Amino acid sequence: MFRYGTHAFRHTHAVLLLESGATIKFVSKRLGHKTIKTTAVTYLDITEKIKEDELKKFASYTKRKSESAQNRHDSGLTA
């Protein structure tokens, strides 16, 4: 019936969990793996969504750091 068997559903489920922000530890336990490494090697593909989410996190982090540095600088000028 299914060309790829049930493993395709398992893989999709794991990747969707990871894309939604679930931790690798949670996904590993949910799948019954003994180690997180097994889960990471098998399921932690860099999907387009994961890549975009991680880059957004980085951009947000660097923006906050830049704004924080600017605020410190501005505070020093008015003191």
PDB file of N, CA and C in Angstrom:
ATOM      1  N   MET A   1       0.824  -1.192   0.000  1.00  0.00           N
ATOM      2  CA  MET A   1       0.000   0.000   0.000  1.00  0.00           C
ATOM      3  C   MET A   1       0.868   1.257   0.000  1.00  0.00           C
ATOM      4  N   PHE A   2       1.748   1.397   1.001  1.00  0.00           N
ATOM      5  CA  PHE A   2       2.622   2.564   1.066  1.00  0.00           C
ATOM      6  C   PHE A   2       3.968   2.209   0.461  1.00  0.00           C
ATOM      7  N   ARG A   3       4.407   3.040  -0.434  1.00  0.00           N
ATOM      8  CA  ARG A   3       5.673   2.790  -1.118  1.00  0.00           C
ATOM      9  C   ARG A   3       6.859   2.903  -0.157  1.00  0.00           C
ATOM     10  N   TYR A   4       6.792   3.843   0.782  1.00  0.00           N
ATOM     11  CA  TYR A   4       7.923   4.082   1.670  1.00  0.00           C
ATOM     12  C   TYR A   4       7.724   3.482   3.054  1.00  0.00           C
ATOM     13  N   GLY A   5       6.586   2.918   3.318  1.00  0.00           N
ATOM     14  CA  GLY A   5       6.326   2.329   4.622  1.00  0.00           C
ATOM     15  C   GLY A   5       6.065   3.384   5.681  1.00  0.00           C
ATOM     16  N   THR A   6       5.961   2.933   6.893  1.00  0.00           N
ATOM     17  CA  THR A   6       5.635   3.844   7.989  1.00  0.00           C
ATOM     18  C   THR A   6       6.809   4.718   8.402  1.00  0.00           C
ATOM     19  N   HIS A   7       8.018   4.364   7.991  1.00  0.00           N
ATOM     20  CA  HIS A   7       9.179   5.165   8.382  1.00  0.00           C
ATOM     21  C   HIS A   7       9.073   6.587   7.831  1.00  0.00           C
ATOM     22  N   ALA A   8       8.475   6.741   6.667  1.00  0.00           N
ATOM     23  CA  ALA A   8       8.319   8.080   6.088  1.00  0.00           C
ATOM     24  C   ALA A   8       7.464   8.951   7.001  1.00  0.00           C
ATOM     25  N   PHE A   9       6.434   8.375   7.597  1.00  0.00           N
ATOM     26  CA  PHE A   9       5.600   9.133   8.530  1.00  0.00           C
ATOM     27  C   PHE A   9       6.368   9.481   9.792  1.00  0.00           C
ATOM     28  N   ARG A  10       7.174   8.547  10.260  1.00  0.00           N
ATOM     29  CA  ARG A  10       7.990   8.783  11.456  1.00  0.00           C
ATOM     30  C   ARG A  10       8.979   9.918  11.192  1.00  0.00           C
ATOM     31  N   HIS A  11       9.633   9.875  10.044  1.00  0.00           N
ATOM     32  CA  HIS A  11      10.607  10.907   9.684  1.00  0.00           C
ATOM     33  C   HIS A  11       9.916  12.268   9.570  1.00  0.00           C
ATOM     34  N   THR A  12       8.784  12.304   8.889  1.00  0.00           N
ATOM     35  CA  THR A  12       8.037  13.549   8.734  1.00  0.00           C
ATOM     36  C   THR A  12       7.617  14.096  10.087  1.00  0.00           C
ATOM     37  N   HIS A  13       7.115  13.225  10.947  1.00  0.00           N
ATOM     38  CA  HIS A  13       6.689  13.642  12.286  1.00  0.00           C
ATOM     39  C   HIS A  13       7.862  14.252  13.053  1.00  0.00           C
ATOM     40  N   ALA A  14       9.004  13.578  13.022  1.00  0.00           N
ATOM     41  CA  ALA A  14      10.177  14.064  13.744  1.00  0.00           C
ATOM     42  C   ALA A  14      10.636  15.416  13.210  1.00  0.00           C
ATOM     43  N   VAL A  15      10.705  15.558  11.890  1.00  0.00           N
ATOM     44  CA  VAL A  15      11.166  16.808  11.293  1.00  0.00           C
ATOM     45  C   VAL A  15      10.183  17.936  11.588  1.00  0.00           C
ATOM     46  N   LEU A  16       8.884  17.662  11.518  1.00  0.00           N
ATOM     47  CA  LEU A  16       7.894  18.693  11.828  1.00  0.00           C
ATOM     48  C   LEU A  16       7.977  19.116  13.288  1.00  0.00           C
ATOM     49  N   LEU A  17       8.211  18.169  14.177  1.00  0.00           N
ATOM     50  CA  LEU A  17       8.412  18.527  15.586  1.00  0.00           C
ATOM     51  C   LEU A  17       9.597  19.472  15.735  1.00  0.00           C
ATOM     52  N   LEU A  18      10.701  19.138  15.083  1.00  0.00           N
ATOM     53  CA  LEU A  18      11.895  19.970  15.172  1.00  0.00           C
ATOM     54  C   LEU A  18      11.656  21.343  14.548  1.00  0.00           C
ATOM     55  N   GLU A  19      10.960  21.376  13.412  1.00  0.00           N
ATOM     56  CA  GLU A  19      10.660  22.661  12.778  1.00  0.00           C
ATOM     57  C   GLU A  19       9.756  23.527  13.649  1.00  0.00           C
ATOM     58  N   SER A  20       8.896  22.881  14.433  1.00  0.00           N
ATOM     59  CA  SER A  20       7.977  23.646  15.276  1.00  0.00           C
ATOM     60  C   SER A  20       8.662  24.205  16.514  1.00  0.00           C
ATOM     61  N   GLY A  21       9.913  23.792  16.737  1.00  0.00           N
ATOM     62  CA  GLY A  21      10.661  24.313  17.874  1.00  0.00           C
ATOM     63  C   GLY A  21      10.847  23.330  19.003  1.00  0.00           C
ATOM     64  N   ALA A  22      10.361  22.105  18.835  1.00  0.00           N
ATOM     65  CA  ALA A  22      10.570  21.089  19.871  1.00  0.00           C
ATOM     66  C   ALA A  22      12.075  20.842  20.019  1.00  0.00           C
ATOM     67  N   THR A  23      12.495  20.577  21.241  1.00  0.00           N
ATOM     68  CA  THR A  23      13.916  20.318  21.467  1.00  0.00           C
ATOM     69  C   THR A  23      14.300  18.943  20.943  1.00  0.00           C
ATOM     70  N   ILE A  24      15.559  18.797  20.612  1.00  0.00           N
ATOM     71  CA  ILE A  24      16.061  17.506  20.144  1.00  0.00           C
ATOM     72  C   ILE A  24      15.890  16.453  21.231  1.00  0.00           C
ATOM     73  N   LYS A  25      16.009  16.868  22.482  1.00  0.00           N
ATOM     74  CA  LYS A  25      15.834  15.930  23.595  1.00  0.00           C
ATOM     75  C   LYS A  25      14.401  15.402  23.638  1.00  0.00           C
ATOM     76  N   PHE A  26      13.428  16.290  23.466  1.00  0.00           N
ATOM     77  CA  PHE A  26      12.030  15.862  23.461  1.00  0.00           C
ATOM     78  C   PHE A  26      11.762  14.891  22.320  1.00  0.00           C
ATOM     79  N   VAL A  27      12.223  15.241  21.126  1.00  0.00           N
ATOM     80  CA  VAL A  27      11.990  14.386  19.960  1.00  0.00           C
ATOM     81  C   VAL A  27      12.664  13.038  20.151  1.00  0.00           C
ATOM     82  N   SER A  28      13.872  13.046  20.688  1.00  0.00           N
ATOM     83  CA  SER A  28      14.595  11.805  20.935  1.00  0.00           C
ATOM     84  C   SER A  28      13.816  10.886  21.873  1.00  0.00           C
ATOM     85  N   LYS A  29      13.326  11.442  22.971  1.00  0.00           N
ATOM     86  CA  LYS A  29      12.543  10.648  23.919  1.00  0.00           C
ATOM     87  C   LYS A  29      11.247  10.164  23.280  1.00  0.00           C
ATOM     88  N   ARG A  30      10.591  11.018  22.517  1.00  0.00           N
ATOM     89  CA  ARG A  30       9.324  10.658  21.870  1.00  0.00           C
ATOM     90  C   ARG A  30       9.507   9.491  20.903  1.00  0.00           C
ATOM     91  N   LEU A  31      10.649   9.475  20.220  1.00  0.00           N
ATOM     92  CA  LEU A  31      10.913   8.406  19.264  1.00  0.00           C
ATOM     93  C   LEU A  31      11.501   7.156  19.918  1.00  0.00           C
ATOM     94  N   GLY A  32      11.846   7.265  21.189  1.00  0.00           N
ATOM     95  CA  GLY A  32      12.375   6.107  21.911  1.00  0.00           C
ATOM     96  C   GLY A  32      13.846   5.828  21.659  1.00  0.00           C
ATOM     97  N   HIS A  33      14.587   6.841  21.243  1.00  0.00           N
ATOM     98  CA  HIS A  33      16.017   6.653  21.015  1.00  0.00           C
ATOM     99  C   HIS A  33      16.774   6.644  22.335  1.00  0.00           C
ATOM    100  N   LYS A  34      17.844   5.878  22.378  1.00  0.00           N
ATOM    101  CA  LYS A  34      18.667   5.810  23.588  1.00  0.00           C
ATOM    102  C   LYS A  34      19.529   7.055  23.746  1.00  0.00           C
ATOM    103  N   THR A  35      19.920   7.652  22.621  1.00  0.00           N
ATOM    104  CA  THR A  35      20.764   8.844  22.694  1.00  0.00           C
ATOM    105  C   THR A  35      20.224   9.936  21.769  1.00  0.00           C
ATOM    106  N   ILE A  36      20.541  11.174  22.111  1.00  0.00           N
ATOM    107  CA  ILE A  36      20.158  12.312  21.269  1.00  0.00           C
ATOM    108  C   ILE A  36      20.917  12.255  19.943  1.00  0.00           C
ATOM    109  N   LYS A  37      22.122  11.700  19.968  1.00  0.00           N
ATOM    110  CA  LYS A  37      22.934  11.622  18.755  1.00  0.00           C
ATOM    111  C   LYS A  37      22.208  10.841  17.662  1.00  0.00           C
ATOM    112  N   THR A  38      21.557   9.747  18.038  1.00  0.00           N
ATOM    113  CA  THR A  38      20.806   8.951  17.066  1.00  0.00           C
ATOM    114  C   THR A  38      19.749   9.815  16.389  1.00  0.00           C
ATOM    115  N   THR A  39      19.032  10.578  17.182  1.00  0.00           N
ATOM    116  CA  THR A  39      17.974  11.444  16.656  1.00  0.00           C
ATOM    117  C   THR A  39      18.564  12.514  15.751  1.00  0.00           C
ATOM    118  N   ALA A  40      19.629  13.145  16.202  1.00  0.00           N
ATOM    119  CA  ALA A  40      20.239  14.235  15.437  1.00  0.00           C
ATOM    120  C   ALA A  40      20.747  13.750  14.089  1.00  0.00           C
ATOM    121  N   VAL A  41      21.444  12.650  14.078  1.00  0.00           N
ATOM    122  CA  VAL A  41      22.014  12.139  12.828  1.00  0.00           C
ATOM    123  C   VAL A  41      20.907  11.733  11.851  1.00  0.00           C
ATOM    124  N   THR A  42      19.842  11.159  12.384  1.00  0.00           N
ATOM    125  CA  THR A  42      18.784  10.629  11.525  1.00  0.00           C
ATOM    126  C   THR A  42      17.778  11.676  11.084  1.00  0.00           C
ATOM    127  N   TYR A  43      17.424  12.584  11.976  1.00  0.00           N
ATOM    128  CA  TYR A  43      16.283  13.459  11.713  1.00  0.00           C
ATOM    129  C   TYR A  43      16.581  14.951  11.658  1.00  0.00           C
ATOM    130  N   LEU A  44      17.729  15.380  12.105  1.00  0.00           N
ATOM    131  CA  LEU A  44      17.987  16.813  12.174  1.00  0.00           C
ATOM    132  C   LEU A  44      18.539  17.325  10.849  1.00  0.00           C
ATOM    133  N   ASP A  45      17.739  17.163   9.814  1.00  0.00           N
ATOM    134  CA  ASP A  45      18.084  17.720   8.513  1.00  0.00           C
ATOM    135  C   ASP A  45      17.899  19.228   8.605  1.00  0.00           C
ATOM    136  N   ILE A  46      18.720  19.950   7.901  1.00  0.00           N
ATOM    137  CA  ILE A  46      18.555  21.396   7.880  1.00  0.00           C
ATOM    138  C   ILE A  46      17.506  21.708   6.809  1.00  0.00           C
ATOM    139  N   THR A  47      16.268  21.803   7.253  1.00  0.00           N
ATOM    140  CA  THR A  47      15.205  22.144   6.317  1.00  0.00           C
ATOM    141  C   THR A  47      15.232  23.652   6.082  1.00  0.00           C
ATOM    142  N   GLU A  48      14.544  24.090   5.072  1.00  0.00           N
ATOM    143  CA  GLU A  48      14.493  25.513   4.770  1.00  0.00           C
ATOM    144  C   GLU A  48      13.893  26.278   5.948  1.00  0.00           C
ATOM    145  N   LYS A  49      12.863  25.719   6.583  1.00  0.00           N
ATOM    146  CA  LYS A  49      12.227  26.388   7.720  1.00  0.00           C
ATOM    147  C   LYS A  49      13.190  26.485   8.897  1.00  0.00           C
ATOM    148  N   ILE A  50      13.886  25.416   9.213  1.00  0.00           N
ATOM    149  CA  ILE A  50      14.849  25.441  10.322  1.00  0.00           C
ATOM    150  C   ILE A  50      15.927  26.479  10.031  1.00  0.00           C
ATOM    151  N   LYS A  51      16.418  26.497   8.806  1.00  0.00           N
ATOM    152  CA  LYS A  51      17.457  27.460   8.430  1.00  0.00           C
ATOM    153  C   LYS A  51      16.949  28.890   8.603  1.00  0.00           C
ATOM    154  N   GLU A  52      15.752  29.170   8.093  1.00  0.00           N
ATOM    155  CA  GLU A  52      15.187  30.515   8.210  1.00  0.00           C
ATOM    156  C   GLU A  52      14.975  30.904   9.672  1.00  0.00           C
ATOM    157  N   ASP A  53      14.436  29.979  10.468  1.00  0.00           N
ATOM    158  CA  ASP A  53      14.191  30.268  11.890  1.00  0.00           C
ATOM    159  C   ASP A  53      15.492  30.570  12.627  1.00  0.00           C
ATOM    160  N   GLU A  54      16.518  29.801  12.358  1.00  0.00           N
ATOM    161  CA  GLU A  54      17.797  30.002  13.041  1.00  0.00           C
ATOM    162  C   GLU A  54      18.437  31.323  12.619  1.00  0.00           C
ATOM    163  N   LEU A  55      18.333  31.657  11.336  1.00  0.00           N
ATOM    164  CA  LEU A  55      18.886  32.930  10.879  1.00  0.00           C
ATOM    165  C   LEU A  55      18.122  34.116  11.464  1.00  0.00           C
ATOM    166  N   LYS A  56      16.811  33.967  11.634  1.00  0.00           N
ATOM    167  CA  LYS A  56      16.016  35.027  12.274  1.00  0.00           C
ATOM    168  C   LYS A  56      16.433  35.201  13.730  1.00  0.00           C
ATOM    169  N   LYS A  57      16.671  34.082  14.417  1.00  0.00           N
ATOM    170  CA  LYS A  57      17.133  34.153  15.812  1.00  0.00           C
ATOM    171  C   LYS A  57      18.453  34.914  15.883  1.00  0.00           C
ATOM    172  N   PHE A  58      19.368  34.599  14.968  1.00  0.00           N
ATOM    173  CA  PHE A  58      20.673  35.245  14.959  1.00  0.00           C
ATOM    174  C   PHE A  58      20.527  36.737  14.673  1.00  0.00           C
ATOM    175  N   ALA A  59      19.692  37.079  13.693  1.00  0.00           N
ATOM    176  CA  ALA A  59      19.484  38.492  13.350  1.00  0.00           C
ATOM    177  C   ALA A  59      18.886  39.249  14.531  1.00  0.00           C
ATOM    178  N   SER A  60      17.935  38.635  15.204  1.00  0.00           N
ATOM    179  CA  SER A  60      17.316  39.268  16.364  1.00  0.00           C
ATOM    180  C   SER A  60      18.343  39.458  17.483  1.00  0.00           C
ATOM    181  N   TYR A  61      19.170  38.454  17.698  1.00  0.00           N
ATOM    182  CA  TYR A  61      20.201  38.520  18.741  1.00  0.00           C
ATOM    183  C   TYR A  61      21.201  39.636  18.440  1.00  0.00           C
ATOM    184  N   THR A  62      21.683  39.685  17.210  1.00  0.00           N
ATOM    185  CA  THR A  62      22.681  40.702  16.886  1.00  0.00           C
ATOM    186  C   THR A  62      22.066  42.097  16.902  1.00  0.00           C
ATOM    187  N   LYS A  63      20.803  42.222  16.552  1.00  0.00           N
ATOM    188  CA  LYS A  63      20.127  43.522  16.613  1.00  0.00           C
ATOM    189  C   LYS A  63      20.031  43.989  18.061  1.00  0.00           C
ATOM    190  N   ARG A  64      19.648  43.074  18.971  1.00  0.00           N
ATOM    191  CA  ARG A  64      19.557  43.436  20.397  1.00  0.00           C
ATOM    192  C   ARG A  64      20.921  43.830  20.936  1.00  0.00           C
ATOM    193  N   LYS A  65      21.962  43.098  20.560  1.00  0.00           N
ATOM    194  CA  LYS A  65      23.315  43.416  21.019  1.00  0.00           C
ATOM    195  C   LYS A  65      23.740  44.791  20.512  1.00  0.00           C
ATOM    196  N   SER A  66      23.431  45.055  19.257  1.00  0.00           N
ATOM    197  CA  SER A  66      23.788  46.347  18.665  1.00  0.00           C
ATOM    198  C   SER A  66      23.036  47.482  19.352  1.00  0.00           C
ATOM    199  N   GLU A  67      21.732  47.289  19.590  1.00  0.00           N
ATOM    200  CA  GLU A  67      20.935  48.316  20.266  1.00  0.00           C
ATOM    201  C   GLU A  67      21.414  48.528  21.694  1.00  0.00           C
ATOM    202  N   SER A  68      21.776  47.434  22.367  1.00  0.00           N
ATOM    203  CA  SER A  68      22.263  47.528  23.741  1.00  0.00           C
ATOM    204  C   SER A  68      23.578  48.313  23.791  1.00  0.00           C
ATOM    205  N   ALA A  69      24.456  48.037  22.849  1.00  0.00           N
ATOM    206  CA  ALA A  69      25.732  48.750  22.796  1.00  0.00           C
ATOM    207  C   ALA A  69      25.501  50.230  22.491  1.00  0.00           C
ATOM    208  N   GLN A  70      24.561  50.508  21.591  1.00  0.00           N
ATOM    209  CA  GLN A  70      24.258  51.898  21.254  1.00  0.00           C
ATOM    210  C   GLN A  70      23.679  52.620  22.465  1.00  0.00           C
ATOM    211  N   ASN A  71      22.799  51.956  23.217  1.00  0.00           N
ATOM    212  CA  ASN A  71      22.220  52.564  24.427  1.00  0.00           C
ATOM    213  C   ASN A  71      23.295  52.852  25.467  1.00  0.00           C
ATOM    214  N   ARG A  72      24.241  51.932  25.620  1.00  0.00           N
ATOM    215  CA  ARG A  72      25.337  52.169  26.573  1.00  0.00           C
ATOM    216  C   ARG A  72      26.165  53.357  26.121  1.00  0.00           C
ATOM    217  N   HIS A  73      26.408  53.434  24.830  1.00  0.00           N
ATOM    218  CA  HIS A  73      27.182  54.524  24.268  1.00  0.00           C
ATOM    219  C   HIS A  73      26.453  55.863  24.487  1.00  0.00           C
ATOM    220  N   ASP A  74      25.153  55.861  24.176  1.00  0.00           N
ATOM    221  CA  ASP A  74      24.348  57.082  24.328  1.00  0.00           C
ATOM    222  C   ASP A  74      24.286  57.517  25.807  1.00  0.00           C
ATOM    223  N   SER A  75      24.176  56.550  26.697  1.00  0.00           N
ATOM    224  CA  SER A  75      24.127  56.860  28.137  1.00  0.00           C
ATOM    225  C   SER A  75      25.426  57.520  28.605  1.00  0.00           C
ATOM    226  N   GLY A  76      26.532  57.066  28.039  1.00  0.00           N
ATOM    227  CA  GLY A  76      27.825  57.639  28.404  1.00  0.00           C
ATOM    228  C   GLY A  76      27.976  59.065  27.913  1.00  0.00           C
ATOM    229  N   LEU A  77      27.318  59.406  26.842  1.00  0.00           N
ATOM    230  CA  LEU A  77      27.403  60.755  26.297  1.00  0.00           C
ATOM    231  C   LEU A  77      26.601  61.751  27.124  1.00  0.00           C
ATOM    232  N   THR A  78      25.511  61.296  27.749  1.00  0.00           N
ATOM    233  CA  THR A  78      24.651  62.215  28.493  1.00  0.00           C
ATOM    234  C   THR A  78      25.026  62.289  29.953  1.00  0.00           C
ATOM    235  N   ALA A  79      25.893  61.430  30.392  1.00  0.00           N
ATOM    236  CA  ALA A  79      26.260  61.426  31.826  1.00  0.00           C
ATOM    237  C   ALA A  79      27.220  62.518  32.173  1.00  0.00           C
TER     238      ALA A  79
END
